Amino acid sequence: MGGYPAAIRAAQLGLSVVLVEEDKVGGTCLHRGCIPAKALLQSAALLDAGSVMLALTLNGELVAFKPSPAEYTELARIKVASTETWAHPVVAGNRIFVKDSETVGLWTFE
Protein backbone atom coordinates (compact mmCIF):
# COMPACT_ATOMS: atom_id res chain seq x y z
CA MET A 1 0.00 0.00 0.00
CA GLY A 2 1.26 3.48 -0.83
CA GLY A 3 0.15 6.97 -1.75
CA TYR A 4 -3.32 8.09 -0.81
CA PRO A 5 -4.52 4.74 0.60
CA ALA A 6 -1.54 4.67 2.98
CA ALA A 7 -2.13 8.30 4.00
CA ILE A 8 -5.81 7.68 4.64
CA ARG A 9 -5.07 4.58 6.72
CA ALA A 10 -2.37 6.38 8.72
CA ALA A 11 -4.78 9.24 9.47
CA GLN A 12 -7.44 6.71 10.55
CA LEU A 13 -4.89 5.31 13.00
CA GLY A 14 -4.33 8.79 14.45
CA LEU A 15 -0.96 9.49 12.82
CA SER A 16 -0.01 12.87 11.37
CA VAL A 17 0.05 12.76 7.58
CA VAL A 18 1.67 15.06 5.01
CA LEU A 19 1.12 14.55 1.30
CA VAL A 20 3.72 15.78 -1.17
CA GLU A 21 2.60 15.97 -4.80
CA GLU A 22 4.86 16.74 -7.75
CA ASP A 23 2.07 18.44 -9.72
CA LYS A 24 -1.54 19.10 -8.70
CA VAL A 25 -2.88 17.65 -5.46
CA GLY A 26 -4.80 14.55 -6.44
CA GLY A 27 -2.20 13.37 -8.94
CA THR A 28 -2.62 11.79 -12.33
CA CYS A 29 -5.68 9.73 -11.44
CA LEU A 30 -7.70 12.74 -10.33
CA HIS A 31 -6.67 15.22 -13.02
CA ARG A 32 -5.71 13.27 -16.17
CA GLY A 33 -6.35 9.59 -15.56
CA CYS A 34 -9.14 7.33 -14.46
CA ILE A 35 -11.50 9.81 -12.79
CA PRO A 36 -11.81 12.28 -15.71
CA ALA A 37 -11.98 9.40 -18.19
CA LYS A 38 -14.81 7.74 -16.24
CA ALA A 39 -16.66 11.06 -16.02
CA LEU A 40 -16.42 11.51 -19.80
CA LEU A 41 -17.60 7.96 -20.42
CA GLN A 42 -20.73 8.54 -18.33
CA SER A 43 -21.66 12.02 -19.54
CA ALA A 44 -20.45 12.46 -23.11
CA ALA A 45 -20.66 11.08 -26.60
CA LEU A 46 -17.20 9.70 -27.42
CA LEU A 47 -15.73 9.45 -30.89
CA ASP A 48 -12.43 8.05 -32.15
CA ALA A 49 -11.02 10.66 -34.53
CA GLY A 50 -7.70 9.08 -35.49
CA SER A 51 -4.89 10.32 -33.28
CA VAL A 52 -7.31 11.98 -30.85
CA MET A 53 -10.59 11.17 -29.12
CA LEU A 54 -13.46 13.64 -29.13
CA ALA A 55 -16.01 13.89 -26.37
CA LEU A 56 -19.16 15.96 -26.77
CA THR A 57 -20.51 16.71 -23.31
CA LEU A 58 -24.17 17.19 -22.50
CA ASN A 59 -23.55 20.89 -21.84
CA GLY A 60 -22.23 21.48 -25.38
CA GLU A 61 -18.47 21.31 -24.92
CA LEU A 62 -16.34 19.45 -27.44
CA VAL A 63 -13.25 18.06 -25.71
CA ALA A 64 -10.31 16.76 -27.75
CA PHE A 65 -7.86 14.55 -25.92
CA LYS A 66 -4.97 12.24 -26.67
CA PRO A 67 -5.53 8.85 -25.07
CA SER A 68 -2.89 6.50 -23.73
CA PRO A 69 -3.11 3.35 -21.61
CA ALA A 70 -2.22 5.31 -18.44
CA GLU A 71 -4.07 8.62 -18.88
CA TYR A 72 -5.54 11.11 -21.26
CA THR A 73 -4.14 14.52 -22.07
CA GLU A 74 -6.69 17.20 -22.80
CA LEU A 75 -5.73 19.11 -25.96
CA ALA A 76 -8.68 21.48 -26.34
CA ARG A 77 -12.10 22.28 -24.89
CA ILE A 78 -14.48 24.32 -27.06
CA LYS A 79 -18.06 25.41 -26.42
CA VAL A 80 -19.88 24.25 -29.58
CA ALA A 81 -23.55 24.39 -28.55
CA SER A 82 -25.57 26.78 -26.44
CA THR A 83 -28.16 24.19 -25.39
CA GLU A 84 -28.00 20.52 -24.37
CA THR A 85 -26.55 18.28 -27.09
CA TRP A 86 -28.72 15.48 -28.44
CA ALA A 87 -26.53 13.21 -30.55
CA HIS A 88 -22.99 12.05 -31.24
CA PRO A 89 -20.88 14.54 -33.19
CA VAL A 90 -20.32 13.66 -36.84
CA VAL A 91 -16.81 14.11 -38.24
CA ALA A 92 -16.31 14.63 -41.98
CA GLY A 93 -12.71 15.51 -42.79
CA ASN A 94 -11.90 18.69 -40.86
CA ARG A 95 -15.59 19.43 -40.18
CA ILE A 96 -17.64 18.43 -37.15
CA PHE A 97 -21.43 18.54 -37.07
CA VAL A 98 -23.04 19.03 -33.65
CA LYS A 99 -26.78 18.67 -32.93
CA ASP A 100 -28.18 20.51 -29.95
CA SER A 101 -31.83 20.87 -28.97
CA GLU A 102 -32.42 23.66 -31.48
CA THR A 103 -29.93 23.50 -34.37
CA VAL A 104 -27.25 21.56 -36.21
CA GLY A 105 -23.94 23.40 -36.03
CA LEU A 106 -20.97 22.99 -38.35
CA TRP A 107 -17.47 23.54 -37.00
CA THR A 108 -14.38 23.56 -39.22
CA PHE A 109 -10.91 22.89 -37.78
CA GLU A 110 -7.49 23.34 -39.33
C-alpha atoms as a PDB file:
ATOM      1  CA  MET A   1       0.000   0.000   0.000  1.00  0.00           C
ATOM      2  CA  GLY A   2       1.260   3.479  -0.830  1.00  0.00           C
ATOM      3  CA  GLY A   3       0.155   6.971  -1.755  1.00  0.00           C
ATOM      4  CA  TYR A   4      -3.315   8.090  -0.809  1.00  0.00           C
ATOM      5  CA  PRO A   5      -4.523   4.735   0.604  1.00  0.00           C
ATOM      6  CA  ALA A   6      -1.543   4.675   2.979  1.00  0.00           C
ATOM      7  CA  ALA A   7      -2.126   8.301   3.997  1.00  0.00           C
ATOM      8  CA  ILE A   8      -5.815   7.680   4.642  1.00  0.00           C
ATOM      9  CA  ARG A   9      -5.074   4.580   6.725  1.00  0.00           C
ATOM     10  CA  ALA A  10      -2.368   6.383   8.720  1.00  0.00           C
ATOM     11  CA  ALA A  11      -4.785   9.244   9.472  1.00  0.00           C
ATOM     12  CA  GLN A  12      -7.444   6.712  10.552  1.00  0.00           C
ATOM     13  CA  LEU A  13      -4.893   5.313  13.001  1.00  0.00           C
ATOM     14  CA  GLY A  14      -4.327   8.789  14.450  1.00  0.00           C
ATOM     15  CA  LEU A  15      -0.964   9.487  12.822  1.00  0.00           C
ATOM     16  CA  SER A  16      -0.008  12.871  11.370  1.00  0.00           C
ATOM     17  CA  VAL A  17       0.052  12.765   7.575  1.00  0.00           C
ATOM     18  CA  VAL A  18       1.675  15.055   5.011  1.00  0.00           C
ATOM     19  CA  LEU A  19       1.116  14.554   1.301  1.00  0.00           C
ATOM     20  CA  VAL A  20       3.720  15.784  -1.174  1.00  0.00           C
ATOM     21  CA  GLU A  21       2.603  15.974  -4.801  1.00  0.00           C
ATOM     22  CA  GLU A  22       4.860  16.737  -7.751  1.00  0.00           C
ATOM     23  CA  ASP A  23       2.073  18.440  -9.721  1.00  0.00           C
ATOM     24  CA  LYS A  24      -1.537  19.098  -8.696  1.00  0.00           C
ATOM     25  CA  VAL A  25      -2.880  17.651  -5.455  1.00  0.00           C
ATOM     26  CA  GLY A  26      -4.795  14.550  -6.444  1.00  0.00           C
ATOM     27  CA  GLY A  27      -2.203  13.373  -8.942  1.00  0.00           C
ATOM     28  CA  THR A  28      -2.618  11.794 -12.326  1.00  0.00           C
ATOM     29  CA  CYS A  29      -5.678   9.728 -11.443  1.00  0.00           C
ATOM     30  CA  LEU A  30      -7.700  12.741 -10.330  1.00  0.00           C
ATOM     31  CA  HIS A  31      -6.666  15.223 -13.019  1.00  0.00           C
ATOM     32  CA  ARG A  32      -5.712  13.265 -16.167  1.00  0.00           C
ATOM     33  CA  GLY A  33      -6.355   9.594 -15.559  1.00  0.00           C
ATOM     34  CA  CYS A  34      -9.136   7.329 -14.455  1.00  0.00           C
ATOM     35  CA  ILE A  35     -11.496   9.810 -12.791  1.00  0.00           C
ATOM     36  CA  PRO A  36     -11.810  12.283 -15.714  1.00  0.00           C
ATOM     37  CA  ALA A  37     -11.977   9.400 -18.191  1.00  0.00           C
ATOM     38  CA  LYS A  38     -14.814   7.744 -16.240  1.00  0.00           C
ATOM     39  CA  ALA A  39     -16.659  11.065 -16.022  1.00  0.00           C
ATOM     40  CA  LEU A  40     -16.418  11.508 -19.797  1.00  0.00           C
ATOM     41  CA  LEU A  41     -17.605   7.957 -20.423  1.00  0.00           C
ATOM     42  CA  GLN A  42     -20.727   8.537 -18.333  1.00  0.00           C
ATOM     43  CA  SER A  43     -21.656  12.023 -19.539  1.00  0.00           C
ATOM     44  CA  ALA A  44     -20.450  12.456 -23.112  1.00  0.00           C
ATOM     45  CA  ALA A  45     -20.657  11.078 -26.604  1.00  0.00           C
ATOM     46  CA  LEU A  46     -17.199   9.696 -27.421  1.00  0.00           C
ATOM     47  CA  LEU A  47     -15.727   9.455 -30.889  1.00  0.00           C
ATOM     48  CA  ASP A  48     -12.427   8.046 -32.151  1.00  0.00           C
ATOM     49  CA  ALA A  49     -11.020  10.663 -34.529  1.00  0.00           C
ATOM     50  CA  GLY A  50      -7.698   9.080 -35.492  1.00  0.00           C
ATOM     51  CA  SER A  51      -4.891  10.321 -33.278  1.00  0.00           C
ATOM     52  CA  VAL A  52      -7.314  11.982 -30.849  1.00  0.00           C
ATOM     53  CA  MET A  53     -10.585  11.171 -29.120  1.00  0.00           C
ATOM     54  CA  LEU A  54     -13.460  13.636 -29.135  1.00  0.00           C
ATOM     55  CA  ALA A  55     -16.014  13.894 -26.371  1.00  0.00           C
ATOM     56  CA  LEU A  56     -19.164  15.959 -26.770  1.00  0.00           C
ATOM     57  CA  THR A  57     -20.511  16.711 -23.312  1.00  0.00           C
ATOM     58  CA  LEU A  58     -24.173  17.193 -22.500  1.00  0.00           C
ATOM     59  CA  ASN A  59     -23.553  20.890 -21.840  1.00  0.00           C
ATOM     60  CA  GLY A  60     -22.228  21.482 -25.380  1.00  0.00           C
ATOM     61  CA  GLU A  61     -18.466  21.315 -24.920  1.00  0.00           C
ATOM     62  CA  LEU A  62     -16.343  19.451 -27.442  1.00  0.00           C
ATOM     63  CA  VAL A  63     -13.254  18.062 -25.713  1.00  0.00           C
ATOM     64  CA  ALA A  64     -10.309  16.758 -27.750  1.00  0.00           C
ATOM     65  CA  PHE A  65      -7.861  14.546 -25.918  1.00  0.00           C
ATOM     66  CA  LYS A  66      -4.967  12.239 -26.668  1.00  0.00           C
ATOM     67  CA  PRO A  67      -5.535   8.854 -25.068  1.00  0.00           C
ATOM     68  CA  SER A  68      -2.887   6.498 -23.727  1.00  0.00           C
ATOM     69  CA  PRO A  69      -3.110   3.346 -21.607  1.00  0.00           C
ATOM     70  CA  ALA A  70      -2.219   5.310 -18.444  1.00  0.00           C
ATOM     71  CA  GLU A  71      -4.065   8.620 -18.876  1.00  0.00           C
ATOM     72  CA  TYR A  72      -5.539  11.114 -21.259  1.00  0.00           C
ATOM     73  CA  THR A  73      -4.143  14.520 -22.067  1.00  0.00           C
ATOM     74  CA  GLU A  74      -6.690  17.203 -22.801  1.00  0.00           C
ATOM     75  CA  LEU A  75      -5.725  19.111 -25.956  1.00  0.00           C
ATOM     76  CA  ALA A  76      -8.677  21.482 -26.339  1.00  0.00           C
ATOM     77  CA  ARG A  77     -12.101  22.282 -24.889  1.00  0.00           C
ATOM     78  CA  ILE A  78     -14.478  24.323 -27.062  1.00  0.00           C
ATOM     79  CA  LYS A  79     -18.060  25.413 -26.419  1.00  0.00           C
ATOM     80  CA  VAL A  80     -19.876  24.246 -29.582  1.00  0.00           C
ATOM     81  CA  ALA A  81     -23.552  24.390 -28.547  1.00  0.00           C
ATOM     82  CA  SER A  82     -25.571  26.779 -26.438  1.00  0.00           C
ATOM     83  CA  THR A  83     -28.158  24.190 -25.387  1.00  0.00           C
ATOM     84  CA  GLU A  84     -27.995  20.525 -24.373  1.00  0.00           C
ATOM     85  CA  THR A  85     -26.552  18.277 -27.089  1.00  0.00           C
ATOM     86  CA  TRP A  86     -28.722  15.477 -28.440  1.00  0.00           C
ATOM     87  CA  ALA A  87     -26.529  13.214 -30.554  1.00  0.00           C
ATOM     88  CA  HIS A  88     -22.990  12.047 -31.237  1.00  0.00           C
ATOM     89  CA  PRO A  89     -20.884  14.537 -33.188  1.00  0.00           C
ATOM     90  CA  VAL A  90     -20.323  13.655 -36.835  1.00  0.00           C
ATOM     91  CA  VAL A  91     -16.805  14.112 -38.235  1.00  0.00           C
ATOM     92  CA  ALA A  92     -16.309  14.629 -41.977  1.00  0.00           C
ATOM     93  CA  GLY A  93     -12.708  15.514 -42.787  1.00  0.00           C
ATOM     94  CA  ASN A  94     -11.902  18.686 -40.865  1.00  0.00           C
ATOM     95  CA  ARG A  95     -15.593  19.426 -40.181  1.00  0.00           C
ATOM     96  CA  ILE A  96     -17.640  18.432 -37.151  1.00  0.00           C
ATOM     97  CA  PHE A  97     -21.426  18.544 -37.067  1.00  0.00           C
ATOM     98  CA  VAL A  98     -23.040  19.026 -33.654  1.00  0.00           C
ATOM     99  CA  LYS A  99     -26.779  18.666 -32.929  1.00  0.00           C
ATOM    100  CA  ASP A 100     -28.179  20.507 -29.952  1.00  0.00           C
ATOM    101  CA  SER A 101     -31.835  20.870 -28.967  1.00  0.00           C
ATOM    102  CA  GLU A 102     -32.419  23.664 -31.484  1.00  0.00           C
ATOM    103  CA  THR A 103     -29.928  23.496 -34.366  1.00  0.00           C
ATOM    104  CA  VAL A 104     -27.246  21.561 -36.208  1.00  0.00           C
ATOM    105  CA  GLY A 105     -23.943  23.405 -36.033  1.00  0.00           C
ATOM    106  CA  LEU A 106     -20.972  22.992 -38.346  1.00  0.00           C
ATOM    107  CA  TRP A 107     -17.470  23.542 -37.004  1.00  0.00           C
ATOM    108  CA  THR A 108     -14.382  23.558 -39.224  1.00  0.00           C
ATOM    109  CA  PHE A 109     -10.911  22.888 -37.783  1.00  0.00           C
ATOM    110  CA  GLU A 110      -7.494  23.339 -39.332  1.00  0.00           C
END
